C-alpha cells in the first residue's frame, strides 16, 4: 500500500527527530562517499530486485531532490506563502533515465548542490527559517520543515544504499 503524503512526512521526520538538521545535511555527502568507496559500478547500476531502484537510480534521485529542495527554499525565501508543486519521483526517474546515469556524476551533482544549500541555510537569519510555502500535497512547509524533510530523506536513502551494498535488500 502506498503512503499518503502525511504518512510519508511522519516517517521521514521520524528519522531526524531530536537531531541537528544542519549537521545531518552536512554529513550525508561524506557518508555516501565512504559507503560507495570501492564498490564496482556494475554493483551500483544493478537493481537488487526487479521493483527496487539500484544505487545509481537512488543517486540520480537524490541529486534531483537536492535541486528541487534548493529551488523550493529559494522560492519560499523570495515569496513567503508561495505555492510549492509536488512531483512524482517515479515519473522523474523514468524520463530522467536514472538507470543509465553515471553514479559518480550524480554523486558529484548532489555534493555540489548540497554544499551550496548548507551555505545558504547557515547564512539565514533565524526568522527566515519560518518563511513557508504551501506544498500541493503536504500543506504548509517552512524552510525549517523543508530542511528537516531533506535530512530525513537522506537518512532514508542512506539506509537503502547501505542495504543494497551489503546485499541485504528487503
C-alpha atoms as a PDB file:
ATOM      1  CA  UNK A   1       0.000   0.000   0.000  1.00  0.00           C
ATOM      2  CA  UNK A   2       1.316   3.418  -0.976  1.00  0.00           C
ATOM      3  CA  UNK A   3       1.854   6.008   1.779  1.00  0.00           C
ATOM      4  CA  UNK A   4      -0.252   9.123   1.995  1.00  0.00           C
ATOM      5  CA  UNK A   5       1.651  12.425   1.934  1.00  0.00           C
ATOM      6  CA  UNK A   6       1.044  12.738   5.685  1.00  0.00           C
ATOM      7  CA  UNK A   7       2.322   9.198   6.388  1.00  0.00           C
ATOM      8  CA  UNK A   8       5.400   9.906   4.268  1.00  0.00           C
ATOM      9  CA  UNK A   9       6.052  13.150   6.147  1.00  0.00           C
ATOM     10  CA  UNK A  10       5.703  11.393   9.503  1.00  0.00           C
ATOM     11  CA  UNK A  11       8.074   8.593   8.507  1.00  0.00           C
ATOM     12  CA  UNK A  12      10.719  10.917   7.061  1.00  0.00           C
ATOM     13  CA  UNK A  13      10.593  13.299  10.039  1.00  0.00           C
ATOM     14  CA  UNK A  14      10.890  10.362  12.462  1.00  0.00           C
ATOM     15  CA  UNK A  15      14.403   9.748  11.125  1.00  0.00           C
ATOM     16  CA  UNK A  16      15.593  13.184  12.248  1.00  0.00           C
ATOM     17  CA  UNK A  17      13.683  13.689  15.471  1.00  0.00           C
ATOM     18  CA  UNK A  18      15.978  15.088  18.157  1.00  0.00           C
ATOM     19  CA  UNK A  19      18.898  15.555  15.746  1.00  0.00           C
ATOM     20  CA  UNK A  20      20.503  18.724  14.405  1.00  0.00           C
ATOM     21  CA  UNK A  21      19.276  19.218  10.855  1.00  0.00           C
ATOM     22  CA  UNK A  22      22.264  21.145   9.502  1.00  0.00           C
ATOM     23  CA  UNK A  23      24.719  18.599  10.916  1.00  0.00           C
ATOM     24  CA  UNK A  24      22.791  15.772   9.289  1.00  0.00           C
ATOM     25  CA  UNK A  25      22.637  17.609   5.981  1.00  0.00           C
ATOM     26  CA  UNK A  26      26.359  18.362   6.085  1.00  0.00           C
ATOM     27  CA  UNK A  27      27.342  14.798   6.978  1.00  0.00           C
ATOM     28  CA  UNK A  28      25.480  12.924   4.258  1.00  0.00           C
ATOM     29  CA  UNK A  29      27.826  13.555   1.291  1.00  0.00           C
ATOM     30  CA  UNK A  30      30.793  12.189   3.266  1.00  0.00           C
ATOM     31  CA  UNK A  31      28.745   9.191   4.461  1.00  0.00           C
ATOM     32  CA  UNK A  32      27.704   8.446   0.894  1.00  0.00           C
ATOM     33  CA  UNK A  33      31.268   8.688  -0.386  1.00  0.00           C
ATOM     34  CA  UNK A  34      32.511   6.333   2.339  1.00  0.00           C
ATOM     35  CA  UNK A  35      29.697   3.891   1.734  1.00  0.00           C
ATOM     36  CA  UNK A  36      30.332   3.784  -2.019  1.00  0.00           C
ATOM     37  CA  UNK A  37      34.129   3.760  -1.927  1.00  0.00           C
ATOM     38  CA  UNK A  38      35.441   0.769  -3.846  1.00  0.00           C
ATOM     39  CA  UNK A  39      32.009  -0.523  -4.856  1.00  0.00           C
ATOM     40  CA  UNK A  40      32.149  -1.564  -8.532  1.00  0.00           C
ATOM     41  CA  UNK A  41      29.993   0.416 -10.957  1.00  0.00           C
ATOM     42  CA  UNK A  42      28.331  -2.838 -12.032  1.00  0.00           C
ATOM     43  CA  UNK A  43      27.034  -3.307  -8.479  1.00  0.00           C
ATOM     44  CA  UNK A  44      25.860   0.304  -8.307  1.00  0.00           C
ATOM     45  CA  UNK A  45      23.886   0.052 -11.547  1.00  0.00           C
ATOM     46  CA  UNK A  46      22.266  -3.343 -10.911  1.00  0.00           C
ATOM     47  CA  UNK A  47      18.804  -3.396  -9.376  1.00  0.00           C
ATOM     48  CA  UNK A  48      18.822  -5.550  -6.243  1.00  0.00           C
ATOM     49  CA  UNK A  49      15.339  -6.844  -7.130  1.00  0.00           C
ATOM     50  CA  UNK A  50      13.039  -6.044 -10.041  1.00  0.00           C
ATOM     51  CA  UNK A  51      10.899  -3.407  -8.308  1.00  0.00           C
ATOM     52  CA  UNK A  52      13.650  -1.684  -6.277  1.00  0.00           C
ATOM     53  CA  UNK A  53      15.930   1.072  -7.517  1.00  0.00           C
ATOM     54  CA  UNK A  54      19.631   0.471  -7.954  1.00  0.00           C
ATOM     55  CA  UNK A  55      22.156   2.609  -6.095  1.00  0.00           C
ATOM     56  CA  UNK A  56      22.712   4.562  -9.328  1.00  0.00           C
ATOM     57  CA  UNK A  57      18.984   5.285  -9.557  1.00  0.00           C
ATOM     58  CA  UNK A  58      18.874   6.388  -5.923  1.00  0.00           C
ATOM     59  CA  UNK A  59      21.844   8.693  -6.542  1.00  0.00           C
ATOM     60  CA  UNK A  60      20.082  10.214  -9.565  1.00  0.00           C
ATOM     61  CA  UNK A  61      17.002  10.711  -7.413  1.00  0.00           C
ATOM     62  CA  UNK A  62      18.815  12.375  -4.501  1.00  0.00           C
ATOM     63  CA  UNK A  63      20.708  14.628  -6.920  1.00  0.00           C
ATOM     64  CA  UNK A  64      17.400  15.792  -8.405  1.00  0.00           C
ATOM     65  CA  UNK A  65      15.760  16.080  -4.987  1.00  0.00           C
ATOM     66  CA  UNK A  66      18.586  18.369  -3.885  1.00  0.00           C
ATOM     67  CA  UNK A  67      17.833  20.642  -6.833  1.00  0.00           C
ATOM     68  CA  UNK A  68      14.099  20.560  -6.085  1.00  0.00           C
ATOM     69  CA  UNK A  69      14.593  21.442  -2.413  1.00  0.00           C
ATOM     70  CA  UNK A  70      17.121  24.098  -3.334  1.00  0.00           C
ATOM     71  CA  UNK A  71      14.535  25.707  -5.599  1.00  0.00           C
ATOM     72  CA  UNK A  72      11.763  25.347  -3.004  1.00  0.00           C
ATOM     73  CA  UNK A  73      13.835  27.028  -0.293  1.00  0.00           C
ATOM     74  CA  UNK A  74      14.697  29.895  -2.599  1.00  0.00           C
ATOM     75  CA  UNK A  75      11.058  30.260  -3.701  1.00  0.00           C
ATOM     76  CA  UNK A  76       9.950  30.420  -0.071  1.00  0.00           C
ATOM     77  CA  UNK A  77      12.630  32.934   0.854  1.00  0.00           C
ATOM     78  CA  UNK A  78      11.705  35.116  -2.111  1.00  0.00           C
ATOM     79  CA  UNK A  79       7.939  34.945  -1.630  1.00  0.00           C
ATOM     80  CA  UNK A  80       6.610  33.888   1.763  1.00  0.00           C
ATOM     81  CA  UNK A  81       3.465  31.740   1.346  1.00  0.00           C
ATOM     82  CA  UNK A  82       4.273  30.746  -2.242  1.00  0.00           C
ATOM     83  CA  UNK A  83       2.733  27.596  -3.765  1.00  0.00           C
ATOM     84  CA  UNK A  84       5.068  24.575  -3.975  1.00  0.00           C
ATOM     85  CA  UNK A  85       4.356  21.870  -6.529  1.00  0.00           C
ATOM     86  CA  UNK A  86       4.879  18.223  -5.560  1.00  0.00           C
ATOM     87  CA  UNK A  87       6.411  15.781  -8.036  1.00  0.00           C
ATOM     88  CA  UNK A  88       6.172  12.081  -8.860  1.00  0.00           C
ATOM     89  CA  UNK A  89       9.618  10.575  -8.235  1.00  0.00           C
ATOM     90  CA  UNK A  90       8.866   7.539 -10.408  1.00  0.00           C
ATOM     91  CA  UNK A  91       7.966   9.706 -13.400  1.00  0.00           C
ATOM     92  CA  UNK A  92      11.140  11.733 -12.885  1.00  0.00           C
ATOM     93  CA  UNK A  93      13.199   8.531 -12.630  1.00  0.00           C
ATOM     94  CA  UNK A  94      11.750   7.275 -15.889  1.00  0.00           C
ATOM     95  CA  UNK A  95      12.157  10.365 -18.061  1.00  0.00           C
ATOM     96  CA  UNK A  96      15.496  11.266 -16.461  1.00  0.00           C
ATOM     97  CA  UNK A  97      16.676   7.719 -17.164  1.00  0.00           C
ATOM     98  CA  UNK A  98      18.290   7.342 -13.734  1.00  0.00           C
ATOM     99  CA  UNK A  99      19.224   3.748 -14.532  1.00  0.00           C
ATOM    100  CA  UNK A 100      21.598   4.938 -17.264  1.00  0.00           C
ATOM    101  CA  UNK A 101      23.133   7.872 -15.379  1.00  0.00           C
ATOM    102  CA  UNK A 102      26.723   7.677 -14.183  1.00  0.00           C
ATOM    103  CA  UNK A 103      26.564   7.280 -10.374  1.00  0.00           C
ATOM    104  CA  UNK A 104      29.750   9.338  -9.929  1.00  0.00           C
ATOM    105  CA  UNK A 105      28.249  12.304 -11.789  1.00  0.00           C
ATOM    106  CA  UNK A 106      25.014  12.071  -9.786  1.00  0.00           C
ATOM    107  CA  UNK A 107      27.008  11.979  -6.541  1.00  0.00           C
ATOM    108  CA  UNK A 108      29.100  14.986  -7.618  1.00  0.00           C
ATOM    109  CA  UNK A 109      25.985  16.989  -8.584  1.00  0.00           C
ATOM    110  CA  UNK A 110      24.376  16.120  -5.261  1.00  0.00           C
ATOM    111  CA  UNK A 111      27.513  17.048  -3.293  1.00  0.00           C
ATOM    112  CA  UNK A 112      27.935  20.433  -5.006  1.00  0.00           C
ATOM    113  CA  UNK A 113      24.282  21.442  -4.634  1.00  0.00           C
ATOM    114  CA  UNK A 114      24.207  20.256  -1.021  1.00  0.00           C
ATOM    115  CA  UNK A 115      27.244  22.377  -0.195  1.00  0.00           C
ATOM    116  CA  UNK A 116      25.537  25.442  -1.683  1.00  0.00           C
ATOM    117  CA  UNK A 117      22.305  24.722   0.186  1.00  0.00           C
ATOM    118  CA  UNK A 118      24.078  24.383   3.518  1.00  0.00           C
ATOM    119  CA  UNK A 119      25.930  27.616   2.852  1.00  0.00           C
ATOM    120  CA  UNK A 120      22.601  29.368   2.202  1.00  0.00           C
ATOM    121  CA  UNK A 121      20.862  27.856   5.233  1.00  0.00           C
ATOM    122  CA  UNK A 122      23.723  28.799   7.548  1.00  0.00           C
ATOM    123  CA  UNK A 123      23.524  32.402   6.350  1.00  0.00           C
ATOM    124  CA  UNK A 124      19.800  32.829   7.033  1.00  0.00           C
ATOM    125  CA  UNK A 125      18.582  34.989   9.896  1.00  0.00           C
ATOM    126  CA  UNK A 126      16.611  32.900  12.407  1.00  0.00           C
ATOM    127  CA  UNK A 127      13.256  34.446  11.477  1.00  0.00           C
ATOM    128  CA  UNK A 128      13.584  33.444   7.803  1.00  0.00           C
ATOM    129  CA  UNK A 129      13.569  29.763   8.794  1.00  0.00           C
ATOM    130  CA  UNK A 130       9.851  30.276   9.484  1.00  0.00           C
ATOM    131  CA  UNK A 131       9.084  31.543   5.971  1.00  0.00           C
ATOM    132  CA  UNK A 132       6.858  28.988   4.301  1.00  0.00           C
ATOM    133  CA  UNK A 133       5.356  27.672   1.104  1.00  0.00           C
ATOM    134  CA  UNK A 134       2.124  25.762   0.543  1.00  0.00           C
ATOM    135  CA  UNK A 135       3.016  22.294  -0.752  1.00  0.00           C
ATOM    136  CA  UNK A 136       0.420  20.895  -3.155  1.00  0.00           C
ATOM    137  CA  UNK A 137       0.230  17.596  -1.242  1.00  0.00           C
ATOM    138  CA  UNK A 138       1.543  18.269   2.263  1.00  0.00           C
ATOM    139  CA  UNK A 139       0.324  21.780   3.032  1.00  0.00           C
ATOM    140  CA  UNK A 140       2.332  24.447   4.849  1.00  0.00           C
ATOM    141  CA  UNK A 141       6.090  23.834   4.840  1.00  0.00           C
ATOM    142  CA  UNK A 142       8.537  26.241   6.424  1.00  0.00           C
ATOM    143  CA  UNK A 143      12.197  26.457   5.454  1.00  0.00           C
ATOM    144  CA  UNK A 144      12.808  24.531   8.694  1.00  0.00           C
ATOM    145  CA  UNK A 145      10.449  21.763   7.545  1.00  0.00           C
ATOM    146  CA  UNK A 146      11.975  21.587   4.043  1.00  0.00           C
ATOM    147  CA  UNK A 147      15.432  21.201   5.610  1.00  0.00           C
ATOM    148  CA  UNK A 148      14.169  18.546   8.054  1.00  0.00           C
ATOM    149  CA  UNK A 149      12.469  16.643   5.235  1.00  0.00           C
ATOM    150  CA  UNK A 150      15.654  16.786   3.191  1.00  0.00           C
ATOM    151  CA  UNK A 151      17.700  15.446   6.120  1.00  0.00           C
ATOM    152  CA  UNK A 152      15.179  12.646   6.724  1.00  0.00           C
ATOM    153  CA  UNK A 153      15.198  11.859   3.013  1.00  0.00           C
ATOM    154  CA  UNK A 154      18.981  11.477   3.287  1.00  0.00           C
ATOM    155  CA  UNK A 155      18.680   9.046   6.204  1.00  0.00           C
ATOM    156  CA  UNK A 156      16.059   7.039   4.328  1.00  0.00           C
ATOM    157  CA  UNK A 157      18.202   6.664   1.217  1.00  0.00           C
ATOM    158  CA  UNK A 158      21.425   6.048   3.133  1.00  0.00           C
ATOM    159  CA  UNK A 159      19.691   3.058   4.752  1.00  0.00           C
ATOM    160  CA  UNK A 160      18.558   1.800   1.351  1.00  0.00           C
ATOM    161  CA  UNK A 161      22.003   2.179  -0.194  1.00  0.00           C
ATOM    162  CA  UNK A 162      23.660   0.504   2.791  1.00  0.00           C
ATOM    163  CA  UNK A 163      21.312  -2.483   2.429  1.00  0.00           C
ATOM    164  CA  UNK A 164      21.931  -2.769  -1.327  1.00  0.00           C
ATOM    165  CA  UNK A 165      25.709  -2.527  -0.974  1.00  0.00           C
ATOM    166  CA  UNK A 166      25.641  -5.219   1.746  1.00  0.00           C
ATOM    167  CA  UNK A 167      23.311  -7.373  -0.372  1.00  0.00           C
ATOM    168  CA  UNK A 168      20.507  -7.287   2.218  1.00  0.00           C
ATOM    169  CA  UNK A 169      17.599  -5.765   0.299  1.00  0.00           C
ATOM    170  CA  UNK A 170      14.169  -6.354   1.797  1.00  0.00           C
END
